[in-house]
C-alpha atoms as a PDB file:
ATOM      1  CA  UNK A   1      12.519 -17.146 -11.664  1.00  0.00           C
ATOM      2  CA  UNK A   2      12.315 -13.434 -10.897  1.00  0.00           C
ATOM      3  CA  UNK A   3       9.789 -11.770  -8.596  1.00  0.00           C
ATOM      4  CA  UNK A   4       8.729  -8.132  -9.118  1.00  0.00           C
ATOM      5  CA  UNK A   5       6.746  -6.093  -6.594  1.00  0.00           C
ATOM      6  CA  UNK A   6       4.497  -3.318  -7.906  1.00  0.00           C
ATOM      7  CA  UNK A   7       2.709  -0.358  -6.388  1.00  0.00           C
ATOM      8  CA  UNK A   8      -0.431   0.831  -8.173  1.00  0.00           C
ATOM      9  CA  UNK A   9      -3.302   3.276  -7.714  1.00  0.00           C
ATOM     10  CA  UNK A  10      -7.097   3.410  -7.973  1.00  0.00           C
ATOM     11  CA  UNK A  11      -8.056   6.968  -8.908  1.00  0.00           C
ATOM     12  CA  UNK A  12     -11.129   8.846 -10.047  1.00  0.00           C
ATOM     13  CA  UNK A  13     -13.987   6.689 -11.292  1.00  0.00           C
ATOM     14  CA  UNK A  14     -11.744   3.619 -11.183  1.00  0.00           C
ATOM     15  CA  UNK A  15     -12.122   3.618  -7.389  1.00  0.00           C
ATOM     16  CA  UNK A  16     -15.445   1.874  -8.006  1.00  0.00           C
ATOM     17  CA  UNK A  17     -13.802  -1.143  -9.647  1.00  0.00           C
ATOM     18  CA  UNK A  18     -13.942  -4.285  -7.540  1.00  0.00           C
ATOM     19  CA  UNK A  19     -10.849  -6.321  -6.781  1.00  0.00           C
ATOM     20  CA  UNK A  20     -11.998  -8.935  -9.302  1.00  0.00           C
ATOM     21  CA  UNK A  21     -12.414  -6.218 -11.948  1.00  0.00           C
ATOM     22  CA  UNK A  22      -8.840  -5.096 -11.293  1.00  0.00           C
ATOM     23  CA  UNK A  23      -7.555  -8.659 -11.526  1.00  0.00           C
ATOM     24  CA  UNK A  24      -9.098  -9.048 -14.987  1.00  0.00           C
ATOM     25  CA  UNK A  25      -7.729  -5.681 -16.160  1.00  0.00           C
ATOM     26  CA  UNK A  26      -4.273  -6.485 -14.812  1.00  0.00           C
ATOM     27  CA  UNK A  27      -4.117  -9.895 -16.460  1.00  0.00           C
ATOM     28  CA  UNK A  28      -5.060  -8.278 -19.791  1.00  0.00           C
ATOM     29  CA  UNK A  29      -2.272  -5.730 -19.233  1.00  0.00           C
ATOM     30  CA  UNK A  30       0.211  -8.552 -18.624  1.00  0.00           C
ATOM     31  CA  UNK A  31      -0.702 -10.072 -21.996  1.00  0.00           C
ATOM     32  CA  UNK A  32      -0.562  -6.718 -23.829  1.00  0.00           C
ATOM     33  CA  UNK A  33       2.842  -5.922 -22.344  1.00  0.00           C
ATOM     34  CA  UNK A  34       4.075  -9.455 -23.240  1.00  0.00           C
ATOM     35  CA  UNK A  35       5.325 -10.061 -19.709  1.00  0.00           C
ATOM     36  CA  UNK A  36       6.968 -13.529 -19.432  1.00  0.00           C
ATOM     37  CA  UNK A  37       4.719 -14.691 -16.591  1.00  0.00           C
ATOM     38  CA  UNK A  38       5.122 -17.882 -14.600  1.00  0.00           C
ATOM     39  CA  UNK A  39       1.894 -19.900 -14.445  1.00  0.00           C
ATOM     40  CA  UNK A  40       0.384 -22.242 -11.891  1.00  0.00           C
ATOM     41  CA  UNK A  41       0.082 -25.952 -12.647  1.00  0.00           C
ATOM     42  CA  UNK A  42      -3.162 -27.855 -13.212  1.00  0.00           C
ATOM     43  CA  UNK A  43      -5.998 -27.901 -15.720  1.00  0.00           C
ATOM     44  CA  UNK A  44      -6.630 -24.131 -15.535  1.00  0.00           C
ATOM     45  CA  UNK A  45      -3.237 -22.403 -15.188  1.00  0.00           C
ATOM     46  CA  UNK A  46      -3.252 -18.838 -13.865  1.00  0.00           C
ATOM     47  CA  UNK A  47      -0.487 -16.247 -13.892  1.00  0.00           C
ATOM     48  CA  UNK A  48       1.395 -16.188 -10.589  1.00  0.00           C
ATOM     49  CA  UNK A  49       0.196 -12.903  -9.107  1.00  0.00           C
ATOM     50  CA  UNK A  50      -0.055 -12.297  -5.358  1.00  0.00           C
ATOM     51  CA  UNK A  51      -2.315  -9.433  -4.246  1.00  0.00           C
ATOM     52  CA  UNK A  52      -1.828  -7.859  -0.825  1.00  0.00           C
ATOM     53  CA  UNK A  53      -4.573  -6.208   1.240  1.00  0.00           C
ATOM     54  CA  UNK A  54      -6.677  -4.676  -1.538  1.00  0.00           C
ATOM     55  CA  UNK A  55      -8.720  -1.566  -0.730  1.00  0.00           C
ATOM     56  CA  UNK A  56     -12.520  -1.943  -0.501  1.00  0.00           C
ATOM     57  CA  UNK A  57     -14.618  -1.212  -3.584  1.00  0.00           C
ATOM     58  CA  UNK A  58     -15.538   2.469  -3.755  1.00  0.00           C
ATOM     59  CA  UNK A  59     -12.400   3.752  -2.036  1.00  0.00           C
ATOM     60  CA  UNK A  60      -9.521   5.370  -3.886  1.00  0.00           C
ATOM     61  CA  UNK A  61      -5.927   4.433  -3.230  1.00  0.00           C
ATOM     62  CA  UNK A  62      -2.431   5.680  -3.899  1.00  0.00           C
ATOM     63  CA  UNK A  63      -0.796   2.611  -2.367  1.00  0.00           C
ATOM     64  CA  UNK A  64      -1.930  -0.831  -3.535  1.00  0.00           C
ATOM     65  CA  UNK A  65       0.633  -3.635  -3.831  1.00  0.00           C
ATOM     66  CA  UNK A  66       1.068  -6.907  -5.681  1.00  0.00           C
ATOM     67  CA  UNK A  67       3.840  -9.295  -6.655  1.00  0.00           C
ATOM     68  CA  UNK A  68       4.332 -11.138  -9.939  1.00  0.00           C
ATOM     69  CA  UNK A  69       6.616 -14.056 -10.796  1.00  0.00           C
ATOM     70  CA  UNK A  70       8.438 -14.157 -14.139  1.00  0.00           C
ATOM     71  CA  UNK A  71      10.169 -16.910 -16.093  1.00  0.00           C
ATOM     72  CA  UNK A  72      12.717 -14.453 -17.526  1.00  0.00           C
ATOM     73  CA  UNK A  73      14.424 -11.470 -15.924  1.00  0.00           C
ATOM     74  CA  UNK A  74      13.149  -8.014 -16.777  1.00  0.00           C
ATOM     75  CA  UNK A  75      14.208  -4.514 -15.727  1.00  0.00           C
ATOM     76  CA  UNK A  76      11.663  -3.380 -13.092  1.00  0.00           C
ATOM     77  CA  UNK A  77      11.514   0.231 -14.365  1.00  0.00           C
ATOM     78  CA  UNK A  78      10.882  -0.862 -17.969  1.00  0.00           C
ATOM     79  CA  UNK A  79       8.279  -3.382 -16.845  1.00  0.00           C
ATOM     80  CA  UNK A  80       6.510  -0.704 -14.786  1.00  0.00           C
ATOM     81  CA  UNK A  81       6.259   1.616 -17.793  1.00  0.00           C
ATOM     82  CA  UNK A  82       4.919  -1.154 -20.067  1.00  0.00           C
ATOM     83  CA  UNK A  83       2.257  -2.230 -17.584  1.00  0.00           C
ATOM     84  CA  UNK A  84       1.242   1.351 -16.817  1.00  0.00           C
ATOM     85  CA  UNK A  85       0.726   2.024 -20.533  1.00  0.00           C
ATOM     86  CA  UNK A  86      -1.399  -1.139 -20.821  1.00  0.00           C
ATOM     87  CA  UNK A  87      -3.812  -0.224 -18.009  1.00  0.00           C
ATOM     88  CA  UNK A  88      -6.649   2.339 -18.153  1.00  0.00           C
ATOM     89  CA  UNK A  89      -6.007   5.806 -16.720  1.00  0.00           C
ATOM     90  CA  UNK A  90      -6.717   5.697 -13.008  1.00  0.00           C
ATOM     91  CA  UNK A  91      -5.176   2.254 -12.568  1.00  0.00           C
ATOM     92  CA  UNK A  92      -1.591   3.508 -12.623  1.00  0.00           C
ATOM     93  CA  UNK A  93       1.539   1.486 -11.835  1.00  0.00           C
ATOM     94  CA  UNK A  94       3.719   3.955  -9.942  1.00  0.00           C
ATOM     95  CA  UNK A  95       6.611   1.845  -8.651  1.00  0.00           C
ATOM     96  CA  UNK A  96       8.371  -1.470  -9.270  1.00  0.00           C
ATOM     97  CA  UNK A  97      11.236  -3.234  -7.509  1.00  0.00           C
ATOM     98  CA  UNK A  98      12.779  -6.677  -7.723  1.00  0.00           C
ATOM     99  CA  UNK A  99      11.808  -8.746  -4.683  1.00  0.00           C
ATOM    100  CA  UNK A 100      14.992  -9.336  -2.699  1.00  0.00           C
ATOM    101  CA  UNK A 101      13.403  -9.898   0.718  1.00  0.00           C
ATOM    102  CA  UNK A 102      10.544 -12.028   2.015  1.00  0.00           C
ATOM    103  CA  UNK A 103       7.265 -11.115   3.643  1.00  0.00           C
ATOM    104  CA  UNK A 104       5.765  -8.190   1.700  1.00  0.00           C
ATOM    105  CA  UNK A 105       2.315  -8.899   3.174  1.00  0.00           C
ATOM    106  CA  UNK A 106       3.804  -8.950   6.687  1.00  0.00           C
ATOM    107  CA  UNK A 107       5.126  -5.412   6.161  1.00  0.00           C
ATOM    108  CA  UNK A 108       1.649  -4.051   5.453  1.00  0.00           C
ATOM    109  CA  UNK A 109       0.924  -3.341   9.105  1.00  0.00           C
ATOM    110  CA  UNK A 110      -1.137  -0.149   8.822  1.00  0.00           C
ATOM    111  CA  UNK A 111      -2.781   2.267   6.381  1.00  0.00           C
ATOM    112  CA  UNK A 112      -3.071   6.044   6.155  1.00  0.00           C
ATOM    113  CA  UNK A 113      -6.472   7.201   4.909  1.00  0.00           C
ATOM    114  CA  UNK A 114      -7.949  10.561   3.932  1.00  0.00           C
ATOM    115  CA  UNK A 115     -11.691  11.004   4.503  1.00  0.00           C
ATOM    116  CA  UNK A 116     -13.455  13.982   2.898  1.00  0.00           C
ATOM    117  CA  UNK A 117     -16.775  14.736   4.586  1.00  0.00           C
ATOM    118  CA  UNK A 118     -18.821  17.039   2.366  1.00  0.00           C
ATOM    119  CA  UNK A 119     -21.445  18.988   4.263  1.00  0.00           C
ATOM    120  CA  UNK A 120     -19.635  18.648   7.614  1.00  0.00           C
ATOM    121  CA  UNK A 121     -18.091  21.729   9.238  1.00  0.00           C
ATOM    122  CA  UNK A 122     -14.474  21.271  10.423  1.00  0.00           C
ATOM    123  CA  UNK A 123     -15.484  22.296  13.965  1.00  0.00           C
ATOM    124  CA  UNK A 124     -18.158  19.577  14.049  1.00  0.00           C
ATOM    125  CA  UNK A 125     -15.612  17.010  12.836  1.00  0.00           C
ATOM    126  CA  UNK A 126     -13.098  18.078  15.507  1.00  0.00           C
ATOM    127  CA  UNK A 127     -15.719  17.595  18.232  1.00  0.00           C
ATOM    128  CA  UNK A 128     -16.570  14.117  16.946  1.00  0.00           C
ATOM    129  CA  UNK A 129     -12.897  13.106  16.625  1.00  0.00           C
ATOM    130  CA  UNK A 130     -12.213  14.217  20.205  1.00  0.00           C
ATOM    131  CA  UNK A 131     -15.146  12.151  21.497  1.00  0.00           C
ATOM    132  CA  UNK A 132     -14.046   9.097  19.489  1.00  0.00           C
ATOM    133  CA  UNK A 133     -10.437   9.259  20.718  1.00  0.00           C
ATOM    134  CA  UNK A 134     -11.518   9.823  24.322  1.00  0.00           C
ATOM    135  CA  UNK A 135     -13.538   6.606  24.338  1.00  0.00           C
ATOM    136  CA  UNK A 136     -11.865   3.414  25.515  1.00  0.00           C
ATOM    137  CA  UNK A 137     -14.058   1.361  23.204  1.00  0.00           C
ATOM    138  CA  UNK A 138     -16.403   2.199  20.324  1.00  0.00           C
ATOM    139  CA  UNK A 139     -18.643  -0.690  19.314  1.00  0.00           C
ATOM    140  CA  UNK A 140     -19.877  -0.750  15.708  1.00  0.00           C
ATOM    141  CA  UNK A 141     -21.683  -3.300  13.561  1.00  0.00           C
ATOM    142  CA  UNK A 142     -20.982  -4.467  10.027  1.00  0.00           C
ATOM    143  CA  UNK A 143     -22.941  -6.854   7.861  1.00  0.00           C
ATOM    144  CA  UNK A 144     -20.885  -9.895   6.803  1.00  0.00           C
ATOM    145  CA  UNK A 145     -21.741 -13.024   4.830  1.00  0.00           C
ATOM    146  CA  UNK A 146     -22.573 -14.644   8.183  1.00  0.00           C
ATOM    147  CA  UNK A 147     -24.837 -11.803   9.298  1.00  0.00           C
ATOM    148  CA  UNK A 148     -24.251  -8.736  11.459  1.00  0.00           C
ATOM    149  CA  UNK A 149     -21.008  -8.647  13.435  1.00  0.00           C
ATOM    150  CA  UNK A 150     -20.178  -6.271  16.290  1.00  0.00           C
ATOM    151  CA  UNK A 151     -16.585  -5.240  17.091  1.00  0.00           C
ATOM    152  CA  UNK A 152     -14.512  -2.422  18.564  1.00  0.00           C
ATOM    153  CA  UNK A 153     -13.487   0.226  15.997  1.00  0.00           C
ATOM    154  CA  UNK A 154     -11.416   2.274  18.464  1.00  0.00           C
ATOM    155  CA  UNK A 155      -8.568  -0.098  19.364  1.00  0.00           C
ATOM    156  CA  UNK A 156      -7.148  -0.309  15.821  1.00  0.00           C
ATOM    157  CA  UNK A 157      -6.970   3.474  15.344  1.00  0.00           C
ATOM    158  CA  UNK A 158      -3.416   4.775  15.862  1.00  0.00           C
ATOM    159  CA  UNK A 159      -4.231   8.378  14.916  1.00  0.00           C
ATOM    160  CA  UNK A 160      -7.245  10.390  13.821  1.00  0.00           C
ATOM    161  CA  UNK A 161      -7.180  14.124  13.247  1.00  0.00           C
ATOM    162  CA  UNK A 162      -8.781  16.861  11.223  1.00  0.00           C
ATOM    163  CA  UNK A 163      -6.681  18.331   8.439  1.00  0.00           C
ATOM    164  CA  UNK A 164      -4.719  21.476   9.253  1.00  0.00           C
ATOM    165  CA  UNK A 165      -5.428  22.715   5.721  1.00  0.00           C
ATOM    166  CA  UNK A 166      -8.552  24.693   4.877  1.00  0.00           C
ATOM    167  CA  UNK A 167     -11.207  22.095   4.091  1.00  0.00           C
ATOM    168  CA  UNK A 168     -13.862  24.498   2.730  1.00  0.00           C
ATOM    169  CA  UNK A 169     -14.918  23.924  -0.878  1.00  0.00           C
ATOM    170  CA  UNK A 170     -14.763  26.703  -3.515  1.00  0.00           C
ATOM    171  CA  UNK A 171     -18.572  26.754  -3.604  1.00  0.00           C
ATOM    172  CA  UNK A 172     -18.607  27.810   0.049  1.00  0.00           C
ATOM    173  CA  UNK A 173     -20.096  24.563   1.368  1.00  0.00           C
ATOM    174  CA  UNK A 174     -18.495  22.983   4.419  1.00  0.00           C
ATOM    175  CA  UNK A 175     -16.101  20.073   3.935  1.00  0.00           C
ATOM    176  CA  UNK A 176     -14.160  18.496   6.781  1.00  0.00           C
ATOM    177  CA  UNK A 177     -11.053  16.451   5.978  1.00  0.00           C
ATOM    178  CA  UNK A 178      -9.923  13.695   8.331  1.00  0.00           C
ATOM    179  CA  UNK A 179      -6.590  11.857   8.333  1.00  0.00           C
ATOM    180  CA  UNK A 180      -6.713   8.352   9.767  1.00  0.00           C
ATOM    181  CA  UNK A 181      -3.940   5.877  10.625  1.00  0.00           C
ATOM    182  CA  UNK A 182      -5.375   2.430  11.328  1.00  0.00           C
ATOM    183  CA  UNK A 183      -3.603  -0.801  12.161  1.00  0.00           C
ATOM    184  CA  UNK A 184      -4.335  -3.913  10.110  1.00  0.00           C
ATOM    185  CA  UNK A 185      -5.959  -6.208  12.648  1.00  0.00           C
ATOM    186  CA  UNK A 186      -8.473  -9.063  12.667  1.00  0.00           C
ATOM    187  CA  UNK A 187     -11.303  -8.348  12.137  1.00  0.00           C
ATOM    188  CA  UNK A 188     -10.170  -5.584   9.797  1.00  0.00           C
ATOM    189  CA  UNK A 189     -11.232  -2.056  10.753  1.00  0.00           C
ATOM    190  CA  UNK A 190     -12.069  -0.080   7.620  1.00  0.00           C
ATOM    191  CA  UNK A 191     -12.620   3.658   7.167  1.00  0.00           C
ATOM    192  CA  UNK A 192     -16.393   3.157   7.018  1.00  0.00           C
ATOM    193  CA  UNK A 193     -16.196   1.413  10.397  1.00  0.00           C
ATOM    194  CA  UNK A 194     -14.471   4.480  11.841  1.00  0.00           C
ATOM    195  CA  UNK A 195     -17.196   6.672  10.338  1.00  0.00           C
ATOM    196  CA  UNK A 196     -19.758   4.420  12.046  1.00  0.00           C
ATOM    197  CA  UNK A 197     -17.760   4.887  15.239  1.00  0.00           C
ATOM    198  CA  UNK A 198     -17.896   8.677  14.877  1.00  0.00           C
ATOM    199  CA  UNK A 199     -21.648   8.394  14.517  1.00  0.00           C
ATOM    200  CA  UNK A 200     -21.879   6.191  17.622  1.00  0.00           C
ATOM    201  CA  UNK A 201     -19.531   8.324  19.736  1.00  0.00           C
ATOM    202  CA  UNK A 202     -20.632  11.818  18.688  1.00  0.00           C
ATOM    203  CA  UNK A 203     -23.676  11.495  16.416  1.00  0.00           C
ATOM    204  CA  UNK A 204     -21.651  12.660  13.393  1.00  0.00           C
ATOM    205  CA  UNK A 205     -23.626  11.788  10.248  1.00  0.00           C
ATOM    206  CA  UNK A 206     -22.348  13.294   6.955  1.00  0.00           C
ATOM    207  CA  UNK A 207     -25.221  14.121   4.586  1.00  0.00           C
ATOM    208  CA  UNK A 208     -23.442  12.436   1.667  1.00  0.00           C
ATOM    209  CA  UNK A 209     -21.105   9.423   1.552  1.00  0.00           C
ATOM    210  CA  UNK A 210     -17.493  10.235   2.425  1.00  0.00           C
ATOM    211  CA  UNK A 211     -14.829  10.272  -0.288  1.00  0.00           C
ATOM    212  CA  UNK A 212     -12.154   7.908   1.047  1.00  0.00           C
ATOM    213  CA  UNK A 213      -8.600   7.525  -0.285  1.00  0.00           C
ATOM    214  CA  UNK A 214      -5.758   5.366   0.993  1.00  0.00           C
ATOM    215  CA  UNK A 215      -2.610   7.480   0.950  1.00  0.00           C
ATOM    216  CA  UNK A 216      -0.098   4.885   2.165  1.00  0.00           C
ATOM    217  CA  UNK A 217       0.303   1.478   3.744  1.00  0.00           C
ATOM    218  CA  UNK A 218       3.334  -0.263   5.170  1.00  0.00           C
ATOM    219  CA  UNK A 219       5.312  -0.725   8.361  1.00  0.00           C
ATOM    220  CA  UNK A 220       3.974   1.189  11.373  1.00  0.00           C
ATOM    221  CA  UNK A 221       6.315   3.061  13.707  1.00  0.00           C
ATOM    222  CA  UNK A 222       4.346   2.863  16.957  1.00  0.00           C
ATOM    223  CA  UNK A 223       6.366   5.678  18.532  1.00  0.00           C
ATOM    224  CA  UNK A 224       5.833   8.279  15.815  1.00  0.00           C
ATOM    225  CA  UNK A 225       2.755   6.872  14.052  1.00  0.00           C
ATOM    226  CA  UNK A 226       4.553   7.033  10.684  1.00  0.00           C
ATOM    227  CA  UNK A 227       3.724   4.448   8.011  1.00  0.00           C
ATOM    228  CA  UNK A 228       6.816   3.670   5.918  1.00  0.00           C
ATOM    229  CA  UNK A 229       7.303   2.401   2.359  1.00  0.00           C
ATOM    230  CA  UNK A 230       7.062  -1.435   2.297  1.00  0.00           C
ATOM    231  CA  UNK A 231       9.263  -1.614  -0.826  1.00  0.00           C
ATOM    232  CA  UNK A 232      12.189   0.174   0.860  1.00  0.00           C
ATOM    233  CA  UNK A 233      13.806  -3.059   2.178  1.00  0.00           C
ATOM    234  CA  UNK A 234      13.964  -4.410  -1.393  1.00  0.00           C
ATOM    235  CA  UNK A 235      15.595  -1.204  -2.640  1.00  0.00           C
ATOM    236  CA  UNK A 236      18.084  -1.284   0.224  1.00  0.00           C
ATOM    237  CA  UNK A 237      18.940  -4.917  -0.543  1.00  0.00           C
ATOM    238  CA  UNK A 238      19.449  -4.065  -4.225  1.00  0.00           C
ATOM    239  CA  UNK A 239      21.884  -1.224  -3.467  1.00  0.00           C
ATOM    240  CA  UNK A 240      23.734  -3.327  -0.902  1.00  0.00           C
ATOM    241  CA  UNK A 241      24.194  -6.283  -3.280  1.00  0.00           C
ATOM    242  CA  UNK A 242      26.899  -4.704  -5.535  1.00  0.00           C
ATOM    243  CA  UNK A 243      29.044  -3.570  -2.593  1.00  0.00           C
ATOM    244  CA  UNK A 244      28.743  -7.006  -0.943  1.00  0.00           C
ATOM    245  CA  UNK A 245      29.787  -8.646  -4.192  1.00  0.00           C
ATOM    246  CA  UNK A 246      32.765  -6.297  -4.480  1.00  0.00           C
ATOM    247  CA  UNK A 247      33.939  -7.065  -0.942  1.00  0.00           C
ATOM    248  CA  UNK A 248      35.521 -10.523  -1.538  1.00  0.00           C
ATOM    249  CA  UNK A 249      37.284  -9.281  -4.689  1.00  0.00           C
ATOM    250  CA  UNK A 250      38.791  -6.373  -2.796  1.00  0.00           C
ATOM    251  CA  UNK A 251      39.963  -8.702  -0.023  1.00  0.00           C
ATOM    252  CA  UNK A 252      41.855 -10.987  -2.443  1.00  0.00           C
ATOM    253  CA  UNK A 253      43.381  -8.189  -4.529  1.00  0.00           C
ATOM    254  CA  UNK A 254      47.205  -7.712  -4.395  1.00  0.00           C
ATOM    255  CA  UNK A 255      48.343  -5.348  -1.658  1.00  0.00           C
ATOM    256  CA  UNK A 256      50.334  -3.239  -4.097  1.00  0.00           C
ATOM    257  CA  UNK A 257      53.572  -5.295  -4.412  1.00  0.00           C
ATOM    258  CA  UNK A 258      54.493  -6.490  -7.881  1.00  0.00           C
ATOM    259  CA  UNK A 259      53.948 -10.269  -7.904  1.00  0.00           C
ATOM    260  CA  UNK A 260      56.416 -10.706 -10.746  1.00  0.00           C
ATOM    261  CA  UNK A 261      59.067  -8.766  -8.858  1.00  0.00           C
ATOM    262  CA  UNK A 262      58.495 -10.834  -5.703  1.00  0.00           C
ATOM    263  CA  UNK A 263      58.837 -14.075  -7.653  1.00  0.00           C
ATOM    264  CA  UNK A 264      62.035 -12.832  -9.380  1.00  0.00           C
ATOM    265  CA  UNK A 265      63.634 -12.017  -6.007  1.00  0.00           C
ATOM    266  CA  UNK A 266      63.258 -15.606  -4.769  1.00  0.00           C
ATOM    267  CA  UNK A 267      64.769 -17.173  -7.857  1.00  0.00           C
END
């Protein structure tokens, strides 16, 4: 069995696809690409696909991850290209590595999000961000299947800042751009929860819904706030494997003396 880990995107109008919609599209792509999938047992076998921390419906993403299990070995780069060609534009497979380590889901500790707030002046966004970060706790509410739930949206936020780039649109209308780093905690704090927190802390209410895109997710460096590539450990293990395999051979190789000559001298 071989396990392959994939990174994929949700771009443009495809950001409005639900996770179930993506699952159906991806399973069709697996059949089109003739991927030798492993299947679960039972009366209704399903391809062995593990999805990790999917983005909410309506948000774009440059960094979604999943893992598939194969019955035959395939080159990850070739498999990536075949699957990418079998998916609609906007659902793009951008990376593939062979799984050589455990715990992909455990490495998804935080996400980096971009929030575009049309109709909000950058100065107004800066004031709201400062008020949010200054608060020890920002209580927000979200409707769940069990009713309304209140929780703190501030504690999970590692960083929140306005973009240093000019956020004004070409049509002259104001557009603030926020960059958010949020830890993956329970209950999950989503970008819309942070927007609710900005409204609670500073009465910031964008006139139109924010355009939200996940830029990255992975391991969180608490000291620097950086979110690193979760597939890097698999790449490192792949490059280390050949040198480790070569080590024992090098250790048992002749030191340079001619074995035949040594044997002839003891005759």
